[in-house]
C-alpha atoms as a PDB file:
ATOM      1  CA  MET A   1     104.936  56.219   8.136  1.00  0.00           C
ATOM      2  CA  GLY A   2     101.368  54.911   8.164  1.00  0.00           C
ATOM      3  CA  THR A   3      98.349  54.172  10.293  1.00  0.00           C
ATOM      4  CA  ALA A   4      97.811  51.425  12.858  1.00  0.00           C
ATOM      5  CA  LEU A   5      94.503  50.175  14.246  1.00  0.00           C
ATOM      6  CA  ILE A   6      94.820  48.936  17.831  1.00  0.00           C
ATOM      7  CA  VAL A   7      92.026  46.585  18.933  1.00  0.00           C
ATOM      8  CA  GLU A   8      92.366  46.283  22.705  1.00  0.00           C
ATOM      9  CA  ASP A   9      89.852  46.362  25.571  1.00  0.00           C
ATOM     10  CA  SER A  10      92.439  47.104  28.291  1.00  0.00           C
ATOM     11  CA  LEU A  11      93.019  50.852  28.498  1.00  0.00           C
ATOM     12  CA  THR A  12      96.449  50.317  30.063  1.00  0.00           C
ATOM     13  CA  ASP A  13      97.626  47.959  27.310  1.00  0.00           C
ATOM     14  CA  MET A  14      96.166  50.258  24.662  1.00  0.00           C
ATOM     15  CA  GLU A  15      98.055  53.248  26.086  1.00  0.00           C
ATOM     16  CA  VAL A  16     101.363  51.333  26.069  1.00  0.00           C
ATOM     17  CA  VAL A  17     100.974  50.154  22.464  1.00  0.00           C
ATOM     18  CA  MET A  18      99.647  53.537  21.308  1.00  0.00           C
ATOM     19  CA  GLY A  19     102.573  55.379  22.893  1.00  0.00           C
ATOM     20  CA  CYS A  20     105.056  53.027  21.280  1.00  0.00           C
ATOM     21  CA  LEU A  21     103.516  53.370  17.803  1.00  0.00           C
ATOM     22  CA  LYS A  22     103.092  57.154  18.007  1.00  0.00           C
ATOM     23  CA  GLN A  23     106.731  57.448  19.080  1.00  0.00           C
ATOM     24  CA  ASP A  24     107.599  55.652  15.834  1.00  0.00           C
ATOM     25  CA  GLY A  25     105.590  58.194  13.825  1.00  0.00           C
ATOM     26  CA  LEU A  26     102.462  56.139  13.158  1.00  0.00           C
ATOM     27  CA  ASN A  27      98.944  57.543  13.227  1.00  0.00           C
ATOM     28  CA  VAL A  28      96.793  55.474  15.564  1.00  0.00           C
ATOM     29  CA  LEU A  29      93.134  54.455  15.453  1.00  0.00           C
ATOM     30  CA  THR A  30      91.647  52.494  18.354  1.00  0.00           C
ATOM     31  CA  ALA A  31      88.782  50.094  18.984  1.00  0.00           C
ATOM     32  CA  THR A  32      87.814  48.343  22.211  1.00  0.00           C
ATOM     33  CA  SER A  33      86.008  45.397  20.581  1.00  0.00           C
ATOM     34  CA  GLY A  34      86.156  43.356  17.415  1.00  0.00           C
ATOM     35  CA  GLU A  35      82.808  44.721  16.275  1.00  0.00           C
ATOM     36  CA  GLU A  36      84.001  48.310  16.701  1.00  0.00           C
ATOM     37  CA  ALA A  37      87.159  47.469  14.743  1.00  0.00           C
ATOM     38  CA  LEU A  38      85.165  45.981  11.868  1.00  0.00           C
ATOM     39  CA  LYS A  39      82.976  49.119  11.741  1.00  0.00           C
ATOM     40  CA  LYS A  40      86.063  51.354  11.611  1.00  0.00           C
ATOM     41  CA  LEU A  41      87.424  49.277   8.751  1.00  0.00           C
ATOM     42  CA  ASP A  42      84.367  50.315   6.702  1.00  0.00           C
ATOM     43  CA  SER A  43      85.723  53.898   6.777  1.00  0.00           C
ATOM     44  CA  TYR A  44      89.481  53.505   7.237  1.00  0.00           C
ATOM     45  CA  THR A  45      92.153  51.233   5.814  1.00  0.00           C
ATOM     46  CA  PRO A  46      95.033  51.018   8.282  1.00  0.00           C
ATOM     47  CA  ASP A  47      98.494  49.827   7.262  1.00  0.00           C
ATOM     48  CA  VAL A  48      98.707  47.399  10.204  1.00  0.00           C
ATOM     49  CA  ILE A  49      96.337  46.030  12.867  1.00  0.00           C
ATOM     50  CA  ILE A  50      97.412  45.197  16.443  1.00  0.00           C
ATOM     51  CA  LEU A  51      94.798  42.767  17.775  1.00  0.00           C
ATOM     52  CA  ASP A  52      94.172  41.396  21.268  1.00  0.00           C
ATOM     53  CA  VAL A  53      92.699  37.890  21.573  1.00  0.00           C
ATOM     54  CA  VAL A  54      90.508  38.290  24.658  1.00  0.00           C
ATOM     55  CA  LEU A  55      87.900  40.860  23.609  1.00  0.00           C
ATOM     56  CA  PRO A  56      84.223  41.440  24.423  1.00  0.00           C
ATOM     57  CA  GLY A  57      81.982  39.699  21.890  1.00  0.00           C
ATOM     58  CA  ARG A  58      84.058  37.980  19.229  1.00  0.00           C
ATOM     59  CA  SER A  59      87.616  36.878  20.029  1.00  0.00           C
ATOM     60  CA  GLY A  60      90.662  38.289  18.298  1.00  0.00           C
ATOM     61  CA  PHE A  61      91.104  34.896  16.614  1.00  0.00           C
ATOM     62  CA  GLU A  62      87.616  35.234  15.067  1.00  0.00           C
ATOM     63  CA  ILE A  63      88.263  38.826  14.000  1.00  0.00           C
ATOM     64  CA  CYS A  64      91.596  37.881  12.429  1.00  0.00           C
ATOM     65  CA  ARG A  65      89.975  35.051  10.494  1.00  0.00           C
ATOM     66  CA  ALA A  66      87.227  37.424   9.267  1.00  0.00           C
ATOM     67  CA  LEU A  67      89.771  40.062   8.208  1.00  0.00           C
ATOM     68  CA  LYS A  68      91.863  37.583   6.258  1.00  0.00           C
ATOM     69  CA  ALA A  69      88.756  36.167   4.528  1.00  0.00           C
ATOM     70  CA  GLU A  70      87.662  39.553   3.122  1.00  0.00           C
ATOM     71  CA  ALA A  71      89.327  40.867  -0.046  1.00  0.00           C
ATOM     72  CA  ALA A  72      89.301  44.459   1.264  1.00  0.00           C
ATOM     73  CA  THR A  73      91.243  43.595   4.436  1.00  0.00           C
ATOM     74  CA  SER A  74      93.107  40.377   3.616  1.00  0.00           C
ATOM     75  CA  ASN A  75      96.381  42.154   2.801  1.00  0.00           C
ATOM     76  CA  ILE A  76      96.500  44.268   5.978  1.00  0.00           C
ATOM     77  CA  PRO A  77      99.162  42.798   8.285  1.00  0.00           C
ATOM     78  CA  VAL A  78      97.719  41.618  11.618  1.00  0.00           C
ATOM     79  CA  ILE A  79      99.832  41.376  14.766  1.00  0.00           C
ATOM     80  CA  ILE A  80      98.136  39.474  17.568  1.00  0.00           C
ATOM     81  CA  CYS A  81      99.275  40.820  20.929  1.00  0.00           C
ATOM     82  CA  SER A  82      97.918  38.733  23.801  1.00  0.00           C
ATOM     83  CA  THR A  83      98.423  37.353  27.296  1.00  0.00           C
ATOM     84  CA  LYS A  84      97.475  33.986  25.763  1.00  0.00           C
ATOM     85  CA  ASN A  85     101.019  33.038  24.913  1.00  0.00           C
ATOM     86  CA  SER A  86     101.331  29.266  24.944  1.00  0.00           C
ATOM     87  CA  GLU A  87     102.808  27.614  21.868  1.00  0.00           C
ATOM     88  CA  MET A  88      99.318  26.354  20.995  1.00  0.00           C
ATOM     89  CA  ASP A  89      97.883  29.905  21.195  1.00  0.00           C
ATOM     90  CA  LYS A  90     100.656  31.195  18.923  1.00  0.00           C
ATOM     91  CA  PHE A  91     100.137  28.315  16.498  1.00  0.00           C
ATOM     92  CA  TRP A  92      96.373  28.932  16.440  1.00  0.00           C
ATOM     93  CA  GLY A  93      96.795  32.682  15.947  1.00  0.00           C
ATOM     94  CA  LEU A  94      99.107  32.196  12.984  1.00  0.00           C
ATOM     95  CA  LYS A  95      96.742  29.543  11.607  1.00  0.00           C
ATOM     96  CA  GLN A  96      93.945  32.182  11.658  1.00  0.00           C
ATOM     97  CA  GLY A  97      96.076  34.340   9.368  1.00  0.00           C
ATOM     98  CA  ALA A  98      97.990  36.566  11.801  1.00  0.00           C
ATOM     99  CA  ASP A  99     101.284  37.805  10.395  1.00  0.00           C
ATOM    100  CA  ALA A 100     102.931  37.898  13.835  1.00  0.00           C
ATOM    101  CA  TYR A 101     102.109  36.931  17.430  1.00  0.00           C
ATOM    102  CA  LEU A 102     103.542  38.871  20.376  1.00  0.00           C
ATOM    103  CA  ALA A 103     103.080  38.066  24.059  1.00  0.00           C
ATOM    104  CA  LYS A 104     101.987  40.597  26.680  1.00  0.00           C
ATOM    105  CA  PRO A 105     103.374  42.444  28.427  1.00  0.00           C
ATOM    106  CA  VAL A 106     104.539  43.726  25.063  1.00  0.00           C
ATOM    107  CA  ASP A 107     108.245  44.270  24.508  1.00  0.00           C
ATOM    108  CA  GLN A 108     108.174  47.711  22.894  1.00  0.00           C
ATOM    109  CA  ALA A 109     111.379  47.156  20.895  1.00  0.00           C
ATOM    110  CA  GLU A 110     109.982  43.887  19.534  1.00  0.00           C
ATOM    111  CA  LEU A 111     106.664  45.567  18.673  1.00  0.00           C
ATOM    112  CA  THR A 112     108.481  48.382  16.833  1.00  0.00           C
ATOM    113  CA  ARG A 113     110.664  45.902  14.948  1.00  0.00           C
ATOM    114  CA  THR A 114     107.690  43.713  13.995  1.00  0.00           C
ATOM    115  CA  VAL A 115     105.577  46.652  12.788  1.00  0.00           C
ATOM    116  CA  LYS A 116     108.452  48.003  10.680  1.00  0.00           C
ATOM    117  CA  GLN A 117     109.109  44.575   9.142  1.00  0.00           C
ATOM    118  CA  LEU A 118     105.450  44.153   8.196  1.00  0.00           C
ATOM    119  CA  LEU A 119     105.106  47.671   6.805  1.00  0.00           C
ATOM    120  CA  ASN A 120     108.233  47.270   4.676  1.00  0.00           C
ATOM    121  CA  ARG A 121     107.407  43.928   3.096  1.00  0.00           C
END
């Protein structure tokens, strides 16, 4: 079905998202910081990126903006998945180029549905 890159510094949240995506048949790559994610993108091109906002170093908003500004990564769908879930956070995330914004704790059915929609567009 494809490959997902999960960028998440919480091991618990990463395990939940990883389990959900693997159950749906996706291969999963992981990174615990934005910098690590950007390095992995030099070697791998995932089909979708699940990105936390609160990360060590650069925020998920900054990473999303950087991904969407680069030709090599601009077409990879980005799903921001964060505890920052006010309407302003969602607005800002989408303004940075995110294709979807999901609140934590993640609803696994909603995550599955969102990933499938983005992979099939």
